[in-house]
């Protein structure tokens, strides 16, 4: 009889521990705040950037300028990250500034370049929507 109560006690303790852990892990989730700039770092492209999420289909990105040579990486990051944000929809990118001039052999030192700023809107493709509606 005593071994049975010990077994029930052990099971009860394990259930309480698992329940407590699952509640704690649920509390740690914090979704992106709407309309607030959040700072990130992309390790693949070695880029610091800020992102504002207006809704699931509308973002504002500000990619920090660090060097003239690094601009091509920033541009590639903008394209790839926009594709990721749109999750299969077509990204529409509106540049607000920071596009650097290309001077192969500049005659003077390059001035400080501003951050690359872009607005990304995710657009559902009309052709895809038409194809799926005609197939039904």
C-alpha atoms as a PDB file:
ATOM      1  CA  UNK A   1       0.000   0.000   0.000  1.00  0.00           C
ATOM      2  CA  UNK A   2       2.823   2.364   0.848  1.00  0.00           C
ATOM      3  CA  UNK A   3       4.584   1.753  -2.492  1.00  0.00           C
ATOM      4  CA  UNK A   4       1.367   2.631  -4.332  1.00  0.00           C
ATOM      5  CA  UNK A   5       1.050   5.995  -2.543  1.00  0.00           C
ATOM      6  CA  UNK A   6       4.740   6.682  -3.221  1.00  0.00           C
ATOM      7  CA  UNK A   7       4.185   5.980  -6.927  1.00  0.00           C
ATOM      8  CA  UNK A   8       1.136   8.275  -7.033  1.00  0.00           C
ATOM      9  CA  UNK A   9       3.130  10.976  -5.238  1.00  0.00           C
ATOM     10  CA  UNK A  10       5.980  10.732  -7.772  1.00  0.00           C
ATOM     11  CA  UNK A  11       3.574  10.928 -10.701  1.00  0.00           C
ATOM     12  CA  UNK A  12       1.827  13.928  -9.168  1.00  0.00           C
ATOM     13  CA  UNK A  13       5.133  15.747  -8.674  1.00  0.00           C
ATOM     14  CA  UNK A  14       6.174  15.067 -12.285  1.00  0.00           C
ATOM     15  CA  UNK A  15       2.838  16.326 -13.608  1.00  0.00           C
ATOM     16  CA  UNK A  16       3.141  19.509 -11.549  1.00  0.00           C
ATOM     17  CA  UNK A  17       6.680  20.115 -12.782  1.00  0.00           C
ATOM     18  CA  UNK A  18       5.710  19.608 -16.432  1.00  0.00           C
ATOM     19  CA  UNK A  19       2.688  21.870 -16.048  1.00  0.00           C
ATOM     20  CA  UNK A  20       4.816  24.582 -14.426  1.00  0.00           C
ATOM     21  CA  UNK A  21       7.444  24.377 -17.174  1.00  0.00           C
ATOM     22  CA  UNK A  22       4.861  24.585 -19.942  1.00  0.00           C
ATOM     23  CA  UNK A  23       3.250  27.635 -18.305  1.00  0.00           C
ATOM     24  CA  UNK A  24       6.630  29.341 -17.939  1.00  0.00           C
ATOM     25  CA  UNK A  25       7.556  28.687 -21.545  1.00  0.00           C
ATOM     26  CA  UNK A  26       4.215  30.071 -22.722  1.00  0.00           C
ATOM     27  CA  UNK A  27       4.846  33.275 -20.752  1.00  0.00           C
ATOM     28  CA  UNK A  28       8.250  33.827 -22.360  1.00  0.00           C
ATOM     29  CA  UNK A  29       6.814  34.269 -25.885  1.00  0.00           C
ATOM     30  CA  UNK A  30       6.731  37.924 -26.890  1.00  0.00           C
ATOM     31  CA  UNK A  31       5.497  38.729 -30.399  1.00  0.00           C
ATOM     32  CA  UNK A  32       6.873  41.628 -32.427  1.00  0.00           C
ATOM     33  CA  UNK A  33       5.375  44.912 -31.350  1.00  0.00           C
ATOM     34  CA  UNK A  34       3.375  46.707 -34.009  1.00  0.00           C
ATOM     35  CA  UNK A  35       4.796  50.103 -34.990  1.00  0.00           C
ATOM     36  CA  UNK A  36       7.909  49.898 -32.785  1.00  0.00           C
ATOM     37  CA  UNK A  37      11.463  49.816 -34.187  1.00  0.00           C
ATOM     38  CA  UNK A  38      13.316  46.652 -33.180  1.00  0.00           C
ATOM     39  CA  UNK A  39      17.055  46.223 -33.685  1.00  0.00           C
ATOM     40  CA  UNK A  40      18.465  43.048 -35.245  1.00  0.00           C
ATOM     41  CA  UNK A  41      21.742  41.635 -36.541  1.00  0.00           C
ATOM     42  CA  UNK A  42      21.975  39.257 -39.489  1.00  0.00           C
ATOM     43  CA  UNK A  43      24.957  36.952 -39.023  1.00  0.00           C
ATOM     44  CA  UNK A  44      24.967  35.647 -42.606  1.00  0.00           C
ATOM     45  CA  UNK A  45      25.295  39.101 -44.181  1.00  0.00           C
ATOM     46  CA  UNK A  46      26.928  40.758 -41.134  1.00  0.00           C
ATOM     47  CA  UNK A  47      24.389  43.574 -41.151  1.00  0.00           C
ATOM     48  CA  UNK A  48      22.805  45.630 -38.390  1.00  0.00           C
ATOM     49  CA  UNK A  49      19.273  46.744 -39.154  1.00  0.00           C
ATOM     50  CA  UNK A  50      16.092  48.062 -37.611  1.00  0.00           C
ATOM     51  CA  UNK A  51      12.678  46.756 -38.516  1.00  0.00           C
ATOM     52  CA  UNK A  52       9.245  48.250 -37.893  1.00  0.00           C
ATOM     53  CA  UNK A  53       6.279  45.973 -38.412  1.00  0.00           C
ATOM     54  CA  UNK A  54       3.058  47.811 -39.253  1.00  0.00           C
ATOM     55  CA  UNK A  55       1.126  44.596 -39.932  1.00  0.00           C
ATOM     56  CA  UNK A  56       1.837  41.142 -41.382  1.00  0.00           C
ATOM     57  CA  UNK A  57       2.150  42.586 -44.906  1.00  0.00           C
ATOM     58  CA  UNK A  58       3.833  45.956 -44.285  1.00  0.00           C
ATOM     59  CA  UNK A  59       7.329  46.627 -42.896  1.00  0.00           C
ATOM     60  CA  UNK A  60       9.894  49.418 -42.739  1.00  0.00           C
ATOM     61  CA  UNK A  61      13.588  48.489 -42.792  1.00  0.00           C
ATOM     62  CA  UNK A  62      16.584  50.659 -42.023  1.00  0.00           C
ATOM     63  CA  UNK A  63      19.850  48.907 -42.840  1.00  0.00           C
ATOM     64  CA  UNK A  64      22.818  50.506 -41.106  1.00  0.00           C
ATOM     65  CA  UNK A  65      25.527  51.788 -43.459  1.00  0.00           C
ATOM     66  CA  UNK A  66      29.019  50.805 -42.399  1.00  0.00           C
ATOM     67  CA  UNK A  67      31.212  50.932 -45.503  1.00  0.00           C
ATOM     68  CA  UNK A  68      31.034  51.627 -49.201  1.00  0.00           C
ATOM     69  CA  UNK A  69      32.228  48.121 -50.045  1.00  0.00           C
ATOM     70  CA  UNK A  70      29.528  46.557 -47.885  1.00  0.00           C
ATOM     71  CA  UNK A  71      26.649  48.227 -49.770  1.00  0.00           C
ATOM     72  CA  UNK A  72      26.211  45.288 -52.164  1.00  0.00           C
ATOM     73  CA  UNK A  73      25.759  42.948 -49.170  1.00  0.00           C
ATOM     74  CA  UNK A  74      23.164  45.335 -47.743  1.00  0.00           C
ATOM     75  CA  UNK A  75      21.276  45.375 -51.032  1.00  0.00           C
ATOM     76  CA  UNK A  76      21.279  41.591 -51.298  1.00  0.00           C
ATOM     77  CA  UNK A  77      20.128  41.354 -47.686  1.00  0.00           C
ATOM     78  CA  UNK A  78      17.247  43.739 -48.432  1.00  0.00           C
ATOM     79  CA  UNK A  79      16.039  41.550 -51.288  1.00  0.00           C
ATOM     80  CA  UNK A  80      16.374  38.273 -49.389  1.00  0.00           C
ATOM     81  CA  UNK A  81      14.886  39.584 -46.144  1.00  0.00           C
ATOM     82  CA  UNK A  82      11.934  41.112 -48.015  1.00  0.00           C
ATOM     83  CA  UNK A  83      11.250  37.725 -49.578  1.00  0.00           C
ATOM     84  CA  UNK A  84      11.369  36.094 -46.132  1.00  0.00           C
ATOM     85  CA  UNK A  85       9.050  38.681 -44.584  1.00  0.00           C
ATOM     86  CA  UNK A  86       6.455  38.167 -47.308  1.00  0.00           C
ATOM     87  CA  UNK A  87       6.323  34.370 -46.849  1.00  0.00           C
ATOM     88  CA  UNK A  88       5.647  33.473 -50.476  1.00  0.00           C
ATOM     89  CA  UNK A  89       3.865  36.662 -51.548  1.00  0.00           C
ATOM     90  CA  UNK A  90       5.629  39.125 -53.823  1.00  0.00           C
ATOM     91  CA  UNK A  91       7.596  41.834 -51.991  1.00  0.00           C
ATOM     92  CA  UNK A  92       7.101  45.381 -53.231  1.00  0.00           C
ATOM     93  CA  UNK A  93      10.073  47.494 -52.152  1.00  0.00           C
ATOM     94  CA  UNK A  94       9.919  51.285 -52.006  1.00  0.00           C
ATOM     95  CA  UNK A  95      13.319  52.876 -51.371  1.00  0.00           C
ATOM     96  CA  UNK A  96      13.293  55.943 -49.112  1.00  0.00           C
ATOM     97  CA  UNK A  97      17.001  56.710 -49.320  1.00  0.00           C
ATOM     98  CA  UNK A  98      20.503  55.452 -48.804  1.00  0.00           C
ATOM     99  CA  UNK A  99      21.213  54.162 -52.307  1.00  0.00           C
ATOM    100  CA  UNK A 100      24.911  54.791 -52.811  1.00  0.00           C
ATOM    101  CA  UNK A 101      26.504  56.091 -56.003  1.00  0.00           C
ATOM    102  CA  UNK A 102      28.941  53.864 -57.812  1.00  0.00           C
ATOM    103  CA  UNK A 103      32.274  55.483 -58.576  1.00  0.00           C
ATOM    104  CA  UNK A 104      34.818  53.013 -59.865  1.00  0.00           C
ATOM    105  CA  UNK A 105      37.757  55.374 -59.411  1.00  0.00           C
ATOM    106  CA  UNK A 106      36.623  58.298 -57.267  1.00  0.00           C
ATOM    107  CA  UNK A 107      38.653  61.490 -57.424  1.00  0.00           C
ATOM    108  CA  UNK A 108      37.837  62.489 -53.848  1.00  0.00           C
ATOM    109  CA  UNK A 109      37.206  60.598 -50.590  1.00  0.00           C
ATOM    110  CA  UNK A 110      33.795  59.035 -50.332  1.00  0.00           C
ATOM    111  CA  UNK A 111      31.543  60.911 -47.894  1.00  0.00           C
ATOM    112  CA  UNK A 112      29.582  59.224 -45.128  1.00  0.00           C
ATOM    113  CA  UNK A 113      26.750  57.239 -46.637  1.00  0.00           C
ATOM    114  CA  UNK A 114      23.284  57.310 -45.072  1.00  0.00           C
ATOM    115  CA  UNK A 115      21.467  54.151 -43.984  1.00  0.00           C
ATOM    116  CA  UNK A 116      19.568  52.198 -46.635  1.00  0.00           C
ATOM    117  CA  UNK A 117      15.880  52.785 -45.866  1.00  0.00           C
ATOM    118  CA  UNK A 118      13.075  50.855 -47.516  1.00  0.00           C
ATOM    119  CA  UNK A 119       9.405  50.115 -47.087  1.00  0.00           C
ATOM    120  CA  UNK A 120       8.333  46.550 -47.854  1.00  0.00           C
ATOM    121  CA  UNK A 121       4.758  45.645 -48.723  1.00  0.00           C
ATOM    122  CA  UNK A 122       3.732  42.069 -49.412  1.00  0.00           C
ATOM    123  CA  UNK A 123       1.494  41.835 -52.465  1.00  0.00           C
ATOM    124  CA  UNK A 124      -0.535  38.788 -53.299  1.00  0.00           C
ATOM    125  CA  UNK A 125       0.008  37.831 -56.916  1.00  0.00           C
ATOM    126  CA  UNK A 126      -3.083  38.390 -59.027  1.00  0.00           C
ATOM    127  CA  UNK A 127      -2.146  35.682 -61.536  1.00  0.00           C
ATOM    128  CA  UNK A 128      -1.827  33.067 -58.782  1.00  0.00           C
ATOM    129  CA  UNK A 129      -5.199  34.052 -57.319  1.00  0.00           C
ATOM    130  CA  UNK A 130      -6.816  33.852 -60.775  1.00  0.00           C
ATOM    131  CA  UNK A 131      -5.307  30.407 -61.451  1.00  0.00           C
ATOM    132  CA  UNK A 132      -6.568  28.968 -58.190  1.00  0.00           C
ATOM    133  CA  UNK A 133     -10.056  30.454 -58.670  1.00  0.00           C
ATOM    134  CA  UNK A 134     -10.352  29.065 -62.231  1.00  0.00           C
ATOM    135  CA  UNK A 135      -9.188  25.614 -61.151  1.00  0.00           C
ATOM    136  CA  UNK A 136     -12.074  25.257 -58.690  1.00  0.00           C
END
